[in-house]
Amino acid sequence: MGAAGVALAAAASHGGDTTFLGSASTMCLAHAPVLLGLYIGHRYFRTATLAALVLGLGTIIFAGDLLARHYLGDRLFPMAAPLGGTGMMLGWLVMAVGAFFRVPEA
C-alpha cells in the first residue's frame, strides 16, 4: 500500500487533473504505516487483525474507486467510495475499541 501511495503521488505530479490520484495517494500513504503497525503488534492488540482487514479493504476500495474515476471516467461500482470510506472509519473504530481489551498473558 505504501508503494502504491508513492506511485500514485508520482502519477499525480505529471500534470492534468490529478485530484483523484492525489487523494488516492494520500489515503494509501496515510494507512500503510498503520497497517504495518497493526501487523507488528497483532500479538499484543486483540482487535489488530480485524482492524487491519477492515481498514485495508476500505482503503483499497476507496482508492480503487478514485483510480477508476481518473482512468476509466466512471466509478468502480455504485457507492464504492462511500463504502470504502465507511470501511476506513470502521477500521479506525475497531482499532480504538481494541485499546480497551487486553490480550491475555501467554
N, C-alpha and C. Protein backbone atom coordinates (compact mmCIF):
# COMPACT_ATOMS: atom_id res chain seq x y z
N MET A 1 0.83 -1.18 0.00
CA MET A 1 0.00 0.00 0.00
C MET A 1 0.88 1.25 0.00
N GLY A 2 1.98 1.20 0.72
CA GLY A 2 2.90 2.34 0.72
C GLY A 2 3.48 2.59 -0.66
N ALA A 3 3.87 1.51 -1.34
CA ALA A 3 4.42 1.64 -2.69
C ALA A 3 3.37 2.19 -3.65
N ALA A 4 2.13 1.74 -3.50
CA ALA A 4 1.05 2.26 -4.34
C ALA A 4 0.85 3.75 -4.09
N GLY A 5 0.95 4.17 -2.82
CA GLY A 5 0.80 5.58 -2.49
C GLY A 5 1.88 6.44 -3.13
N VAL A 6 3.11 5.94 -3.11
CA VAL A 6 4.22 6.68 -3.73
C VAL A 6 4.03 6.73 -5.25
N ALA A 7 3.64 5.60 -5.84
CA ALA A 7 3.42 5.57 -7.29
C ALA A 7 2.29 6.51 -7.70
N LEU A 8 1.23 6.55 -6.91
CA LEU A 8 0.11 7.45 -7.21
C LEU A 8 0.52 8.90 -7.05
N ALA A 9 1.36 9.20 -6.06
CA ALA A 9 1.85 10.57 -5.91
C ALA A 9 2.68 10.97 -7.11
N ALA A 10 3.50 10.05 -7.61
CA ALA A 10 4.31 10.35 -8.80
C ALA A 10 3.40 10.58 -10.01
N ALA A 11 2.38 9.73 -10.17
CA ALA A 11 1.46 9.90 -11.29
C ALA A 11 0.70 11.22 -11.18
N ALA A 12 0.35 11.61 -9.96
CA ALA A 12 -0.39 12.85 -9.75
C ALA A 12 0.46 14.08 -10.06
N SER A 13 1.75 13.94 -10.01
CA SER A 13 2.63 15.11 -10.23
C SER A 13 2.90 15.38 -11.71
N HIS A 14 2.32 14.58 -12.59
CA HIS A 14 2.64 14.72 -14.01
C HIS A 14 1.56 15.40 -14.82
N GLY A 15 0.91 16.39 -14.22
CA GLY A 15 0.01 17.26 -14.97
C GLY A 15 -1.39 16.72 -15.15
N GLY A 16 -2.21 17.57 -15.74
CA GLY A 16 -3.60 17.21 -15.94
C GLY A 16 -4.38 17.33 -14.64
N ASP A 17 -5.62 16.88 -14.68
CA ASP A 17 -6.46 16.89 -13.48
C ASP A 17 -6.12 15.65 -12.65
N THR A 18 -5.38 15.86 -11.60
CA THR A 18 -4.88 14.73 -10.80
C THR A 18 -5.50 14.71 -9.40
N THR A 19 -6.66 15.31 -9.25
CA THR A 19 -7.32 15.37 -7.95
C THR A 19 -7.55 13.98 -7.39
N PHE A 20 -8.08 13.08 -8.23
CA PHE A 20 -8.37 11.73 -7.76
C PHE A 20 -7.10 10.98 -7.40
N LEU A 21 -6.05 11.13 -8.22
CA LEU A 21 -4.80 10.43 -7.94
C LEU A 21 -4.16 10.92 -6.65
N GLY A 22 -4.19 12.21 -6.43
CA GLY A 22 -3.62 12.77 -5.21
C GLY A 22 -4.36 12.30 -3.97
N SER A 23 -5.68 12.24 -4.05
CA SER A 23 -6.47 11.76 -2.91
C SER A 23 -6.22 10.27 -2.66
N ALA A 24 -6.14 9.48 -3.72
CA ALA A 24 -5.86 8.05 -3.56
C ALA A 24 -4.48 7.85 -2.95
N SER A 25 -3.52 8.64 -3.39
CA SER A 25 -2.16 8.57 -2.84
C SER A 25 -2.17 8.89 -1.35
N THR A 26 -2.86 9.93 -0.98
CA THR A 26 -2.93 10.34 0.42
C THR A 26 -3.51 9.23 1.30
N MET A 27 -4.60 8.62 0.85
CA MET A 27 -5.23 7.55 1.64
C MET A 27 -4.29 6.35 1.79
N CYS A 28 -3.63 5.98 0.70
CA CYS A 28 -2.69 4.84 0.77
C CYS A 28 -1.52 5.15 1.68
N LEU A 29 -0.94 6.33 1.53
CA LEU A 29 0.22 6.69 2.35
C LEU A 29 -0.15 6.89 3.82
N ALA A 30 -1.37 7.33 4.09
CA ALA A 30 -1.79 7.52 5.49
C ALA A 30 -2.04 6.18 6.19
N HIS A 31 -2.54 5.20 5.45
CA HIS A 31 -2.92 3.95 6.09
C HIS A 31 -1.84 2.87 6.04
N ALA A 32 -0.88 2.97 5.16
CA ALA A 32 0.17 1.96 5.07
C ALA A 32 0.95 1.79 6.38
N PRO A 33 1.41 2.86 7.03
CA PRO A 33 2.14 2.67 8.28
C PRO A 33 1.26 2.12 9.40
N VAL A 34 -0.02 2.46 9.38
CA VAL A 34 -0.94 1.93 10.40
C VAL A 34 -1.09 0.43 10.22
N LEU A 35 -1.23 -0.01 8.98
CA LEU A 35 -1.35 -1.45 8.72
C LEU A 35 -0.07 -2.18 9.13
N LEU A 36 1.07 -1.58 8.87
CA LEU A 36 2.34 -2.17 9.29
C LEU A 36 2.39 -2.27 10.82
N GLY A 37 1.99 -1.22 11.50
CA GLY A 37 1.98 -1.23 12.96
C GLY A 37 1.02 -2.27 13.52
N LEU A 38 -0.13 -2.43 12.90
CA LEU A 38 -1.08 -3.44 13.35
C LEU A 38 -0.51 -4.84 13.16
N TYR A 39 0.20 -5.04 12.06
CA TYR A 39 0.83 -6.34 11.83
C TYR A 39 1.90 -6.62 12.89
N ILE A 40 2.74 -5.63 13.13
CA ILE A 40 3.83 -5.81 14.11
C ILE A 40 3.27 -6.08 15.50
N GLY A 41 2.20 -5.39 15.87
CA GLY A 41 1.68 -5.51 17.22
C GLY A 41 0.49 -6.42 17.39
N HIS A 42 0.19 -7.25 16.39
CA HIS A 42 -1.05 -8.04 16.45
C HIS A 42 -1.09 -9.03 17.62
N ARG A 43 0.05 -9.46 18.11
CA ARG A 43 0.05 -10.40 19.24
C ARG A 43 -0.33 -9.71 20.55
N TYR A 44 -0.21 -8.41 20.59
CA TYR A 44 -0.47 -7.66 21.82
C TYR A 44 -1.74 -6.82 21.74
N PHE A 45 -2.39 -6.85 20.62
CA PHE A 45 -3.53 -5.97 20.38
C PHE A 45 -4.69 -6.82 19.87
N ARG A 46 -5.67 -7.04 20.70
CA ARG A 46 -6.73 -8.01 20.42
C ARG A 46 -7.46 -7.77 19.10
N THR A 47 -7.74 -6.54 18.75
CA THR A 47 -8.53 -6.26 17.54
C THR A 47 -7.67 -5.90 16.33
N ALA A 48 -6.37 -6.13 16.42
CA ALA A 48 -5.47 -5.70 15.34
C ALA A 48 -5.79 -6.36 14.01
N THR A 49 -6.03 -7.66 14.01
CA THR A 49 -6.28 -8.35 12.74
C THR A 49 -7.56 -7.87 12.09
N LEU A 50 -8.63 -7.78 12.87
CA LEU A 50 -9.91 -7.29 12.31
C LEU A 50 -9.77 -5.84 11.86
N ALA A 51 -9.12 -5.02 12.65
CA ALA A 51 -8.94 -3.61 12.27
C ALA A 51 -8.15 -3.50 10.98
N ALA A 52 -7.10 -4.30 10.84
CA ALA A 52 -6.27 -4.25 9.63
C ALA A 52 -7.07 -4.69 8.41
N LEU A 53 -7.87 -5.73 8.55
CA LEU A 53 -8.67 -6.20 7.42
C LEU A 53 -9.69 -5.14 6.98
N VAL A 54 -10.39 -4.59 7.94
CA VAL A 54 -11.43 -3.60 7.61
C VAL A 54 -10.79 -2.33 7.05
N LEU A 55 -9.73 -1.87 7.69
CA LEU A 55 -9.04 -0.66 7.25
C LEU A 55 -8.39 -0.85 5.89
N GLY A 56 -7.74 -1.98 5.70
CA GLY A 56 -7.08 -2.26 4.42
C GLY A 56 -8.06 -2.38 3.27
N LEU A 57 -9.14 -3.15 3.48
CA LEU A 57 -10.14 -3.29 2.42
C LEU A 57 -10.83 -1.97 2.12
N GLY A 58 -11.13 -1.21 3.16
CA GLY A 58 -11.73 0.10 2.94
C GLY A 58 -10.84 1.01 2.12
N THR A 59 -9.56 1.01 2.42
CA THR A 59 -8.61 1.84 1.68
C THR A 59 -8.50 1.39 0.23
N ILE A 60 -8.44 0.08 0.01
CA ILE A 60 -8.34 -0.44 -1.35
C ILE A 60 -9.58 -0.07 -2.17
N ILE A 61 -10.75 -0.22 -1.58
CA ILE A 61 -11.99 0.11 -2.30
C ILE A 61 -12.07 1.61 -2.58
N PHE A 62 -11.74 2.42 -1.57
CA PHE A 62 -11.81 3.88 -1.74
C PHE A 62 -10.81 4.34 -2.81
N ALA A 63 -9.56 3.92 -2.67
CA ALA A 63 -8.54 4.33 -3.64
C ALA A 63 -8.84 3.75 -5.02
N GLY A 64 -9.34 2.52 -5.06
CA GLY A 64 -9.70 1.91 -6.34
C GLY A 64 -10.79 2.68 -7.06
N ASP A 65 -11.76 3.18 -6.31
CA ASP A 65 -12.82 3.98 -6.91
C ASP A 65 -12.24 5.27 -7.49
N LEU A 66 -11.34 5.91 -6.76
CA LEU A 66 -10.72 7.14 -7.26
C LEU A 66 -9.90 6.86 -8.51
N LEU A 67 -9.20 5.74 -8.54
CA LEU A 67 -8.42 5.38 -9.73
C LEU A 67 -9.34 5.10 -10.91
N ALA A 68 -10.45 4.41 -10.67
CA ALA A 68 -11.40 4.14 -11.75
C ALA A 68 -11.97 5.44 -12.30
N ARG A 69 -12.27 6.38 -11.40
CA ARG A 69 -12.80 7.66 -11.86
C ARG A 69 -11.77 8.41 -12.70
N HIS A 70 -10.50 8.33 -12.32
CA HIS A 70 -9.46 9.03 -13.07
C HIS A 70 -9.20 8.37 -14.43
N TYR A 71 -8.96 7.05 -14.40
CA TYR A 71 -8.53 6.37 -15.62
C TYR A 71 -9.68 5.88 -16.50
N LEU A 72 -10.80 5.53 -15.91
CA LEU A 72 -11.92 4.99 -16.68
C LEU A 72 -13.05 6.00 -16.87
N GLY A 73 -13.02 7.06 -16.08
CA GLY A 73 -14.06 8.07 -16.18
C GLY A 73 -15.37 7.67 -15.53
N ASP A 74 -15.36 6.61 -14.75
CA ASP A 74 -16.57 6.15 -14.09
C ASP A 74 -16.20 5.49 -12.77
N ARG A 75 -17.20 5.27 -11.94
CA ARG A 75 -16.98 4.66 -10.63
C ARG A 75 -16.58 3.19 -10.76
N LEU A 76 -15.92 2.70 -9.74
CA LEU A 76 -15.56 1.29 -9.66
C LEU A 76 -16.83 0.45 -9.64
N PHE A 77 -17.76 0.80 -8.77
CA PHE A 77 -19.11 0.25 -8.72
C PHE A 77 -19.94 1.25 -7.93
N PRO A 78 -21.25 1.21 -8.03
CA PRO A 78 -22.06 2.19 -7.30
C PRO A 78 -21.77 2.18 -5.80
N MET A 79 -21.62 3.35 -5.25
CA MET A 79 -21.37 3.56 -3.82
C MET A 79 -20.01 3.02 -3.34
N ALA A 80 -19.06 2.85 -4.25
CA ALA A 80 -17.75 2.31 -3.87
C ALA A 80 -17.02 3.26 -2.91
N ALA A 81 -16.94 4.54 -3.26
CA ALA A 81 -16.21 5.48 -2.39
C ALA A 81 -16.84 5.59 -1.01
N PRO A 82 -18.16 5.72 -0.89
CA PRO A 82 -18.73 5.75 0.46
C PRO A 82 -18.52 4.44 1.23
N LEU A 83 -18.59 3.31 0.52
CA LEU A 83 -18.35 2.03 1.17
C LEU A 83 -16.91 1.94 1.67
N GLY A 84 -15.95 2.34 0.83
CA GLY A 84 -14.55 2.33 1.23
C GLY A 84 -14.27 3.29 2.37
N GLY A 85 -14.85 4.49 2.29
CA GLY A 85 -14.66 5.47 3.36
C GLY A 85 -15.25 4.99 4.68
N THR A 86 -16.41 4.37 4.60
CA THR A 86 -17.02 3.80 5.81
C THR A 86 -16.15 2.69 6.36
N GLY A 87 -15.59 1.87 5.49
CA GLY A 87 -14.68 0.81 5.93
C GLY A 87 -13.47 1.36 6.65
N MET A 88 -12.91 2.44 6.11
CA MET A 88 -11.75 3.05 6.77
C MET A 88 -12.14 3.57 8.15
N MET A 89 -13.27 4.24 8.25
CA MET A 89 -13.72 4.76 9.55
C MET A 89 -13.98 3.62 10.53
N LEU A 90 -14.63 2.55 10.06
CA LEU A 90 -14.88 1.41 10.93
C LEU A 90 -13.58 0.75 11.38
N GLY A 91 -12.60 0.68 10.48
CA GLY A 91 -11.30 0.12 10.84
C GLY A 91 -10.64 0.90 11.97
N TRP A 92 -10.72 2.21 11.89
CA TRP A 92 -10.17 3.05 12.96
C TRP A 92 -10.93 2.83 14.27
N LEU A 93 -12.25 2.69 14.17
CA LEU A 93 -13.05 2.46 15.38
C LEU A 93 -12.76 1.09 15.99
N VAL A 94 -12.59 0.07 15.16
CA VAL A 94 -12.23 -1.26 15.66
C VAL A 94 -10.88 -1.20 16.36
N MET A 95 -9.97 -0.43 15.80
CA MET A 95 -8.65 -0.26 16.43
C MET A 95 -8.80 0.45 17.77
N ALA A 96 -9.63 1.47 17.84
CA ALA A 96 -9.83 2.20 19.09
C ALA A 96 -10.47 1.32 20.15
N VAL A 97 -11.42 0.50 19.76
CA VAL A 97 -12.06 -0.41 20.71
C VAL A 97 -11.04 -1.38 21.30
N GLY A 98 -10.06 -1.77 20.49
CA GLY A 98 -9.03 -2.68 20.95
C GLY A 98 -8.22 -2.15 22.11
N ALA A 99 -8.20 -0.86 22.28
CA ALA A 99 -7.45 -0.27 23.39
C ALA A 99 -8.05 -0.65 24.74
N PHE A 100 -9.32 -1.07 24.74
CA PHE A 100 -9.99 -1.40 25.98
C PHE A 100 -9.94 -2.89 26.33
N PHE A 101 -9.34 -3.68 25.45
CA PHE A 101 -9.27 -5.12 25.67
C PHE A 101 -7.83 -5.60 25.66
N ARG A 102 -7.39 -6.11 26.77
CA ARG A 102 -6.02 -6.62 26.87
C ARG A 102 -5.93 -8.02 26.30
N VAL A 103 -4.81 -8.32 25.72
CA VAL A 103 -4.53 -9.68 25.28
C VAL A 103 -4.03 -10.45 26.49
N PRO A 104 -4.56 -11.64 26.75
CA PRO A 104 -4.10 -12.42 27.91
C PRO A 104 -2.61 -12.73 27.82
N GLU A 105 -1.94 -12.73 28.96
CA GLU A 105 -0.51 -13.06 29.00
C GLU A 105 -0.33 -14.52 28.58
N ALA A 106 0.69 -14.76 27.80
CA ALA A 106 0.94 -16.13 27.32
C ALA A 106 1.68 -16.97 28.33
